[in-house]
C-alpha atoms as a PDB file:
ATOM      1  CA  MET A   1      98.292 104.905  90.539  1.00  0.00           C
ATOM      2  CA  LEU A   2      97.898 105.289  94.398  1.00  0.00           C
ATOM      3  CA  THR A   3      99.684 108.599  94.639  1.00  0.00           C
ATOM      4  CA  TYR A   4      99.608 112.151  93.103  1.00  0.00           C
ATOM      5  CA  GLU A   5     102.976 113.803  92.621  1.00  0.00           C
ATOM      6  CA  LEU A   6     103.876 117.508  92.490  1.00  0.00           C
ATOM      7  CA  ALA A   7     107.128 119.216  92.020  1.00  0.00           C
ATOM      8  CA  ILE A   8     107.625 122.756  93.688  1.00  0.00           C
ATOM      9  CA  TRP A   9     110.628 124.793  92.991  1.00  0.00           C
ATOM     10  CA  ASP A  10     112.006 128.266  93.506  1.00  0.00           C
ATOM     11  CA  GLY A  11     112.761 129.945  90.315  1.00  0.00           C
ATOM     12  CA  GLN A  12     111.379 132.003  87.573  1.00  0.00           C
ATOM     13  CA  ARG A  13     108.203 130.657  86.104  1.00  0.00           C
ATOM     14  CA  PRO A  14     108.759 128.847  82.789  1.00  0.00           C
ATOM     15  CA  ALA A  15     107.364 130.194  79.700  1.00  0.00           C
ATOM     16  CA  ASN A  16     105.195 127.155  79.002  1.00  0.00           C
ATOM     17  CA  ASP A  17     104.711 123.433  79.788  1.00  0.00           C
ATOM     18  CA  ALA A  18     107.441 122.281  77.607  1.00  0.00           C
ATOM     19  CA  VAL A  19     110.129 124.385  79.161  1.00  0.00           C
ATOM     20  CA  ALA A  20     108.730 123.765  82.607  1.00  0.00           C
ATOM     21  CA  LEU A  21     109.103 119.878  81.852  1.00  0.00           C
ATOM     22  CA  LEU A  22     112.728 120.488  80.998  1.00  0.00           C
ATOM     23  CA  ASN A  23     113.535 122.507  84.123  1.00  0.00           C
ATOM     24  CA  TYR A  24     111.618 119.913  86.220  1.00  0.00           C
ATOM     25  CA  LEU A  25     113.764 117.052  84.742  1.00  0.00           C
ATOM     26  CA  ASP A  26     117.060 119.111  85.307  1.00  0.00           C
ATOM     27  CA  LEU A  27     116.187 119.684  88.757  1.00  0.00           C
ATOM     28  CA  TYR A  28     114.923 116.359  89.899  1.00  0.00           C
ATOM     29  CA  ASP A  29     118.102 114.706  88.207  1.00  0.00           C
ATOM     30  CA  GLN A  30     120.337 117.316  89.825  1.00  0.00           C
ATOM     31  CA  TYR A  31     118.737 117.186  93.307  1.00  0.00           C
ATOM     32  CA  ILE A  32     116.297 114.524  94.145  1.00  0.00           C
ATOM     33  CA  GLU A  33     117.972 111.558  92.322  1.00  0.00           C
ATOM     34  CA  SER A  34     121.412 112.715  93.286  1.00  0.00           C
ATOM     35  CA  GLU A  35     123.218 110.837  95.964  1.00  0.00           C
ATOM     36  CA  ASP A  36     124.839 114.038  97.380  1.00  0.00           C
ATOM     37  CA  TYR A  37     122.432 115.834  99.826  1.00  0.00           C
ATOM     38  CA  THR A  38     121.910 119.480  99.361  1.00  0.00           C
ATOM     39  CA  PRO A  39     119.861 121.297 102.168  1.00  0.00           C
ATOM     40  CA  PRO A  40     116.696 122.782 100.858  1.00  0.00           C
ATOM     41  CA  CYS A  41     116.882 126.538 100.182  1.00  0.00           C
ATOM     42  CA  GLN A  42     115.126 128.973 102.599  1.00  0.00           C
ATOM     43  CA  ARG A  43     112.084 129.391 100.503  1.00  0.00           C
ATOM     44  CA  ILE A  44     111.396 125.741 100.107  1.00  0.00           C
ATOM     45  CA  SER A  45     112.101 124.955 103.767  1.00  0.00           C
ATOM     46  CA  ILE A  46     109.585 127.585 104.590  1.00  0.00           C
ATOM     47  CA  PHE A  47     107.041 126.068 102.106  1.00  0.00           C
ATOM     48  CA  ALA A  48     107.606 122.547 103.492  1.00  0.00           C
ATOM     49  CA  GLN A  49     107.123 123.765 107.033  1.00  0.00           C
ATOM     50  CA  ALA A  50     103.765 125.265 106.138  1.00  0.00           C
ATOM     51  CA  LEU A  51     102.703 122.120 104.469  1.00  0.00           C
ATOM     52  CA  LEU A  52     103.538 120.309 107.704  1.00  0.00           C
ATOM     53  CA  THR A  53     101.873 122.755 109.937  1.00  0.00           C
ATOM     54  CA  ARG A  54      98.692 122.141 107.853  1.00  0.00           C
ATOM     55  CA  TRP A  55      99.212 118.429 107.725  1.00  0.00           C
ATOM     56  CA  PRO A  56     101.657 116.928 110.081  1.00  0.00           C
ATOM     57  CA  ALA A  57     103.862 114.048 109.005  1.00  0.00           C
ATOM     58  CA  ILE A  58     102.708 110.446 108.961  1.00  0.00           C
ATOM     59  CA  ASP A  59     102.384 108.680 112.380  1.00  0.00           C
ATOM     60  CA  ASP A  60      99.934 106.358 113.888  1.00  0.00           C
ATOM     61  CA  SER A  61      97.831 109.209 115.183  1.00  0.00           C
ATOM     62  CA  THR A  62      97.390 111.476 112.150  1.00  0.00           C
ATOM     63  CA  ASN A  63      95.481 111.011 108.976  1.00  0.00           C
ATOM     64  CA  SER A  64      98.381 112.514 106.944  1.00  0.00           C
ATOM     65  CA  PRO A  65      98.028 112.874 103.067  1.00  0.00           C
ATOM     66  CA  TRP A  66     101.750 112.331 102.780  1.00  0.00           C
ATOM     67  CA  ALA A  67     102.857 109.172 101.024  1.00  0.00           C
ATOM     68  CA  VAL A  68     106.350 109.650 101.933  1.00  0.00           C
ATOM     69  CA  ASN A  69     107.823 110.274 105.481  1.00  0.00           C
ATOM     70  CA  PRO A  70     109.683 112.513 106.251  1.00  0.00           C
ATOM     71  CA  LEU A  71     108.215 114.990 103.726  1.00  0.00           C
ATOM     72  CA  GLU A  72     111.453 116.913 103.963  1.00  0.00           C
ATOM     73  CA  GLU A  73     113.328 113.900 102.552  1.00  0.00           C
ATOM     74  CA  ASN A  74     112.380 115.100  99.078  1.00  0.00           C
ATOM     75  CA  ALA A  75     113.263 118.649  99.654  1.00  0.00           C
ATOM     76  CA  GLN A  76     116.745 119.464  98.356  1.00  0.00           C
ATOM     77  CA  GLY A  77     118.246 122.742  96.815  1.00  0.00           C
ATOM     78  CA  PRO A  78     115.502 124.656  95.175  1.00  0.00           C
ATOM     79  CA  ILE A  79     112.885 121.916  94.741  1.00  0.00           C
ATOM     80  CA  ILE A  80     110.577 119.897  96.790  1.00  0.00           C
ATOM     81  CA  TYR A  81     109.022 116.636  95.168  1.00  0.00           C
ATOM     82  CA  LEU A  82     105.634 115.961  96.979  1.00  0.00           C
ATOM     83  CA  ILE A  83     103.948 112.606  96.982  1.00  0.00           C
ATOM     84  CA  VAL A  84     100.467 112.779  98.253  1.00  0.00           C
ATOM     85  CA  ALA A  85      98.120 109.851  98.876  1.00  0.00           C
ATOM     86  CA  ARG A  86      95.663 109.702  95.853  1.00  0.00           C
ATOM     87  CA  SER A  87      92.611 109.646  98.326  1.00  0.00           C
ATOM     88  CA  LYS A  88      93.763 112.830  99.835  1.00  0.00           C
ATOM     89  CA  ALA A  89      94.670 114.658  96.324  1.00  0.00           C
ATOM     90  CA  ALA A  90      91.324 116.479  95.917  1.00  0.00           C
ATOM     91  CA  GLU A  91      91.702 118.113  99.385  1.00  0.00           C
ATOM     92  CA  VAL A  92      95.337 118.499  99.422  1.00  0.00           C
ATOM     93  CA  VAL A  93      96.477 119.689  95.838  1.00  0.00           C
ATOM     94  CA  PRO A  94      94.448 122.989  95.677  1.00  0.00           C
ATOM     95  CA  PHE A  95      96.138 124.133  98.929  1.00  0.00           C
ATOM     96  CA  ILE A  96      99.465 123.011  97.707  1.00  0.00           C
ATOM     97  CA  VAL A  97      98.920 124.977  94.415  1.00  0.00           C
ATOM     98  CA  GLN A  98      97.831 128.118  96.419  1.00  0.00           C
ATOM     99  CA  LEU A  99     100.454 128.075  98.816  1.00  0.00           C
ATOM    100  CA  ALA A 100     103.053 127.519  96.021  1.00  0.00           C
ATOM    101  CA  THR A 101     101.499 130.551  94.100  1.00  0.00           C
ATOM    102  CA  HIS A 102     101.334 132.664  97.107  1.00  0.00           C
ATOM    103  CA  ASN A 103     104.924 132.153  97.832  1.00  0.00           C
ATOM    104  CA  GLU A 104     106.108 132.721  94.317  1.00  0.00           C
ATOM    105  CA  LEU A 105     107.239 129.190  93.582  1.00  0.00           C
ATOM    106  CA  VAL A 106     106.830 127.118  90.488  1.00  0.00           C
ATOM    107  CA  CYS A 107     104.217 124.368  90.857  1.00  0.00           C
ATOM    108  CA  PHE A 108     104.472 121.508  88.213  1.00  0.00           C
ATOM    109  CA  ASP A 109     102.419 118.462  87.746  1.00  0.00           C
ATOM    110  CA  PRO A 110     104.756 115.638  86.398  1.00  0.00           C
ATOM    111  CA  GLN A 111     101.887 113.285  85.646  1.00  0.00           C
ATOM    112  CA  GLU A 112     100.281 115.845  83.149  1.00  0.00           C
ATOM    113  CA  GLU A 113     103.641 117.478  82.414  1.00  0.00           C
ATOM    114  CA  CYS A 114     102.013 120.849  82.987  1.00  0.00           C
ATOM    115  CA  LEU A 115     102.238 123.961  85.067  1.00  0.00           C
ATOM    116  CA  LEU A 116      99.773 124.639  87.766  1.00  0.00           C
ATOM    117  CA  PRO A 117      97.726 126.720  88.074  1.00  0.00           C
END
């Protein structure tokens, strides 16, 4: 796999990984897979902007870790689905987890189907 993916959402932290997986699947289907656009909630917008301040969007002059451009394209309603270049994951993921935790957002690893941290 060439990317590392994380889902971050605004809401109460699920009790365990199984509940988090169900929450994630519901949010992903409702917002990310939907053909209807729902603007990101304020907390997700602020989170996305903090990430873009740290690592700008993909362009010819940056060494961006994002595998999807624009980053905000995968931010809708209470969720943002982040796709990070695998080669940058070791550098980027700890910062994402820390930022999500600091902002009281849920951080979920869909590959491992577990909550972070």
